[in-house]
Amino acid sequence: MHDGVFFEDHGVPTATVLSSEFVRAASAQAEALGATDYRPIVVPHPIQTLTREEVRALADKAFDEIVRGLTA
């Protein structure tokens, strides 16, 4: 969250992706940084046990949202 908010504050579009386990922590960090409107892209947790193909499938599902984050 810190990097995403930092870059957005400096005019660099970002798309922060995190797993659902970290939504509350990310929200708290965004609030602490004064960026309550910053919305990360959330994928299902856990991801560390997934195969390369499963991670690729998650990325494919999140692709449109990631592009929106980078171009909006």
N, C-alpha and C. Protein backbone atom coordinates (compact mmCIF):
# COMPACT_ATOMS: atom_id res chain seq x y z
N MET A 1 0.81 -1.18 0.00
CA MET A 1 0.00 0.00 0.00
C MET A 1 0.86 1.25 0.00
N HIS A 2 1.92 1.24 0.80
CA HIS A 2 2.75 2.44 0.87
C HIS A 2 3.28 2.83 -0.51
N ASP A 3 3.81 1.86 -1.24
CA ASP A 3 4.35 2.17 -2.56
C ASP A 3 3.26 2.66 -3.50
N GLY A 4 2.13 1.98 -3.51
CA GLY A 4 1.04 2.38 -4.39
C GLY A 4 0.57 3.79 -4.11
N VAL A 5 0.37 4.10 -2.85
CA VAL A 5 -0.07 5.45 -2.48
C VAL A 5 1.01 6.47 -2.81
N PHE A 6 2.26 6.14 -2.52
CA PHE A 6 3.36 7.06 -2.83
C PHE A 6 3.38 7.40 -4.32
N PHE A 7 3.35 6.36 -5.17
CA PHE A 7 3.43 6.61 -6.60
C PHE A 7 2.19 7.36 -7.11
N GLU A 8 1.01 6.99 -6.62
CA GLU A 8 -0.19 7.71 -7.03
C GLU A 8 -0.10 9.18 -6.63
N ASP A 9 0.39 9.44 -5.43
CA ASP A 9 0.56 10.82 -4.97
C ASP A 9 1.53 11.60 -5.85
N HIS A 10 2.43 10.90 -6.52
CA HIS A 10 3.41 11.54 -7.40
C HIS A 10 3.04 11.40 -8.88
N GLY A 11 1.77 11.09 -9.14
CA GLY A 11 1.28 11.08 -10.51
C GLY A 11 1.57 9.85 -11.32
N VAL A 12 2.03 8.79 -10.66
CA VAL A 12 2.33 7.54 -11.37
C VAL A 12 1.19 6.55 -11.10
N PRO A 13 0.43 6.18 -12.12
CA PRO A 13 -0.67 5.24 -11.90
C PRO A 13 -0.15 3.89 -11.38
N THR A 14 -0.88 3.33 -10.45
CA THR A 14 -0.49 2.04 -9.89
C THR A 14 -1.69 1.10 -9.82
N ALA A 15 -1.37 -0.16 -9.65
CA ALA A 15 -2.39 -1.18 -9.43
C ALA A 15 -1.82 -2.12 -8.38
N THR A 16 -2.12 -1.86 -7.14
CA THR A 16 -1.64 -2.69 -6.05
C THR A 16 -2.52 -3.93 -5.95
N VAL A 17 -1.89 -5.09 -6.01
CA VAL A 17 -2.61 -6.36 -5.94
C VAL A 17 -2.24 -7.03 -4.63
N LEU A 18 -3.26 -7.48 -3.91
CA LEU A 18 -3.02 -8.18 -2.66
C LEU A 18 -4.04 -9.30 -2.49
N SER A 19 -3.71 -10.24 -1.62
CA SER A 19 -4.65 -11.33 -1.39
C SER A 19 -5.65 -10.93 -0.31
N SER A 20 -6.78 -11.59 -0.32
CA SER A 20 -7.91 -11.22 0.55
C SER A 20 -7.55 -11.22 2.04
N GLU A 21 -6.53 -11.96 2.41
CA GLU A 21 -6.09 -12.01 3.81
C GLU A 21 -5.62 -10.64 4.31
N PHE A 22 -5.20 -9.77 3.40
CA PHE A 22 -4.57 -8.52 3.78
C PHE A 22 -5.44 -7.28 3.55
N VAL A 23 -6.71 -7.49 3.28
CA VAL A 23 -7.61 -6.36 3.01
C VAL A 23 -7.71 -5.42 4.20
N ARG A 24 -7.91 -5.96 5.38
CA ARG A 24 -8.04 -5.09 6.57
C ARG A 24 -6.76 -4.32 6.84
N ALA A 25 -5.62 -4.98 6.74
CA ALA A 25 -4.34 -4.31 6.97
C ALA A 25 -4.11 -3.23 5.91
N ALA A 26 -4.44 -3.53 4.67
CA ALA A 26 -4.27 -2.55 3.59
C ALA A 26 -5.17 -1.35 3.81
N SER A 27 -6.38 -1.59 4.24
CA SER A 27 -7.31 -0.50 4.51
C SER A 27 -6.79 0.39 5.64
N ALA A 28 -6.26 -0.22 6.68
CA ALA A 28 -5.71 0.54 7.80
C ALA A 28 -4.50 1.36 7.34
N GLN A 29 -3.66 0.78 6.51
CA GLN A 29 -2.50 1.51 6.00
C GLN A 29 -2.93 2.69 5.13
N ALA A 30 -3.90 2.44 4.26
CA ALA A 30 -4.39 3.51 3.39
C ALA A 30 -4.95 4.66 4.23
N GLU A 31 -5.70 4.32 5.25
CA GLU A 31 -6.26 5.35 6.13
C GLU A 31 -5.14 6.13 6.83
N ALA A 32 -4.14 5.41 7.32
CA ALA A 32 -3.02 6.07 8.00
C ALA A 32 -2.26 7.00 7.06
N LEU A 33 -2.27 6.67 5.78
CA LEU A 33 -1.57 7.48 4.78
C LEU A 33 -2.46 8.58 4.20
N GLY A 34 -3.69 8.66 4.68
CA GLY A 34 -4.61 9.68 4.18
C GLY A 34 -5.13 9.38 2.78
N ALA A 35 -5.16 8.10 2.44
CA ALA A 35 -5.57 7.69 1.09
C ALA A 35 -6.76 6.74 1.16
N THR A 36 -7.82 7.17 1.83
CA THR A 36 -8.96 6.28 2.04
C THR A 36 -9.68 5.92 0.75
N ASP A 37 -9.46 6.66 -0.33
CA ASP A 37 -10.08 6.33 -1.62
C ASP A 37 -9.24 5.36 -2.45
N TYR A 38 -8.04 5.08 -2.02
CA TYR A 38 -7.16 4.17 -2.77
C TYR A 38 -7.68 2.75 -2.65
N ARG A 39 -7.92 2.10 -3.77
CA ARG A 39 -8.49 0.76 -3.79
C ARG A 39 -7.54 -0.24 -4.41
N PRO A 40 -7.06 -1.19 -3.61
CA PRO A 40 -6.21 -2.24 -4.18
C PRO A 40 -7.06 -3.27 -4.93
N ILE A 41 -6.41 -4.08 -5.71
CA ILE A 41 -7.06 -5.18 -6.41
C ILE A 41 -6.85 -6.41 -5.54
N VAL A 42 -7.95 -7.10 -5.24
CA VAL A 42 -7.90 -8.21 -4.30
C VAL A 42 -8.10 -9.53 -5.04
N VAL A 43 -7.19 -10.47 -4.77
CA VAL A 43 -7.31 -11.82 -5.30
C VAL A 43 -7.50 -12.77 -4.11
N PRO A 44 -8.04 -13.96 -4.36
CA PRO A 44 -8.27 -14.90 -3.25
C PRO A 44 -6.97 -15.33 -2.56
N HIS A 45 -7.10 -15.57 -1.27
CA HIS A 45 -5.98 -16.05 -0.45
C HIS A 45 -6.18 -17.54 -0.23
N PRO A 46 -5.18 -18.33 -0.12
CA PRO A 46 -3.75 -18.04 -0.23
C PRO A 46 -3.27 -18.13 -1.67
N ILE A 47 -2.11 -17.54 -1.92
CA ILE A 47 -1.53 -17.65 -3.26
C ILE A 47 -0.20 -18.41 -3.25
N GLN A 48 0.45 -18.50 -2.10
CA GLN A 48 1.78 -19.09 -2.06
C GLN A 48 1.79 -20.58 -2.40
N THR A 49 0.67 -21.25 -2.27
CA THR A 49 0.63 -22.69 -2.58
C THR A 49 0.19 -22.97 -4.01
N LEU A 50 -0.11 -21.94 -4.77
CA LEU A 50 -0.61 -22.13 -6.12
C LEU A 50 0.51 -22.45 -7.11
N THR A 51 0.15 -23.17 -8.14
CA THR A 51 1.10 -23.43 -9.22
C THR A 51 1.23 -22.19 -10.09
N ARG A 52 2.20 -22.19 -10.95
CA ARG A 52 2.39 -21.08 -11.87
C ARG A 52 1.13 -20.87 -12.72
N GLU A 53 0.52 -21.96 -13.15
CA GLU A 53 -0.67 -21.87 -13.98
C GLU A 53 -1.86 -21.28 -13.19
N GLU A 54 -1.98 -21.65 -11.92
CA GLU A 54 -3.05 -21.11 -11.08
C GLU A 54 -2.86 -19.62 -10.82
N VAL A 55 -1.62 -19.20 -10.61
CA VAL A 55 -1.34 -17.78 -10.42
C VAL A 55 -1.65 -17.02 -11.71
N ARG A 56 -1.28 -17.60 -12.82
CA ARG A 56 -1.58 -16.97 -14.11
C ARG A 56 -3.09 -16.81 -14.29
N ALA A 57 -3.87 -17.81 -13.88
CA ALA A 57 -5.33 -17.73 -13.98
C ALA A 57 -5.87 -16.60 -13.10
N LEU A 58 -5.31 -16.43 -11.89
CA LEU A 58 -5.72 -15.31 -11.03
C LEU A 58 -5.41 -13.98 -11.69
N ALA A 59 -4.24 -13.89 -12.28
CA ALA A 59 -3.85 -12.66 -12.97
C ALA A 59 -4.77 -12.39 -14.15
N ASP A 60 -5.12 -13.43 -14.87
CA ASP A 60 -6.04 -13.25 -15.99
C ASP A 60 -7.38 -12.71 -15.53
N LYS A 61 -7.87 -13.22 -14.41
CA LYS A 61 -9.16 -12.76 -13.86
C LYS A 61 -9.09 -11.30 -13.41
N ALA A 62 -7.94 -10.90 -12.90
CA ALA A 62 -7.77 -9.53 -12.39
C ALA A 62 -7.29 -8.55 -13.45
N PHE A 63 -6.98 -9.04 -14.64
CA PHE A 63 -6.35 -8.22 -15.68
C PHE A 63 -7.10 -6.93 -15.98
N ASP A 64 -8.39 -7.02 -16.24
CA ASP A 64 -9.16 -5.81 -16.59
C ASP A 64 -9.12 -4.78 -15.47
N GLU A 65 -9.23 -5.24 -14.25
CA GLU A 65 -9.19 -4.32 -13.10
C GLU A 65 -7.80 -3.69 -12.96
N ILE A 66 -6.77 -4.46 -13.22
CA ILE A 66 -5.41 -3.93 -13.17
C ILE A 66 -5.23 -2.84 -14.24
N VAL A 67 -5.69 -3.12 -15.44
CA VAL A 67 -5.58 -2.13 -16.53
C VAL A 67 -6.34 -0.86 -16.17
N ARG A 68 -7.54 -1.01 -15.60
CA ARG A 68 -8.30 0.17 -15.16
C ARG A 68 -7.52 0.98 -14.15
N GLY A 69 -6.87 0.28 -13.20
CA GLY A 69 -6.08 0.98 -12.19
C GLY A 69 -4.91 1.75 -12.78
N LEU A 70 -4.37 1.24 -13.86
CA LEU A 70 -3.22 1.89 -14.48
C LEU A 70 -3.60 2.97 -15.49
N THR A 71 -4.83 2.95 -15.95
CA THR A 71 -5.21 3.90 -17.00
C THR A 71 -6.30 4.88 -16.60
N ALA A 72 -6.91 4.70 -15.44
CA ALA A 72 -8.00 5.60 -15.03
C ALA A 72 -7.45 6.86 -14.38
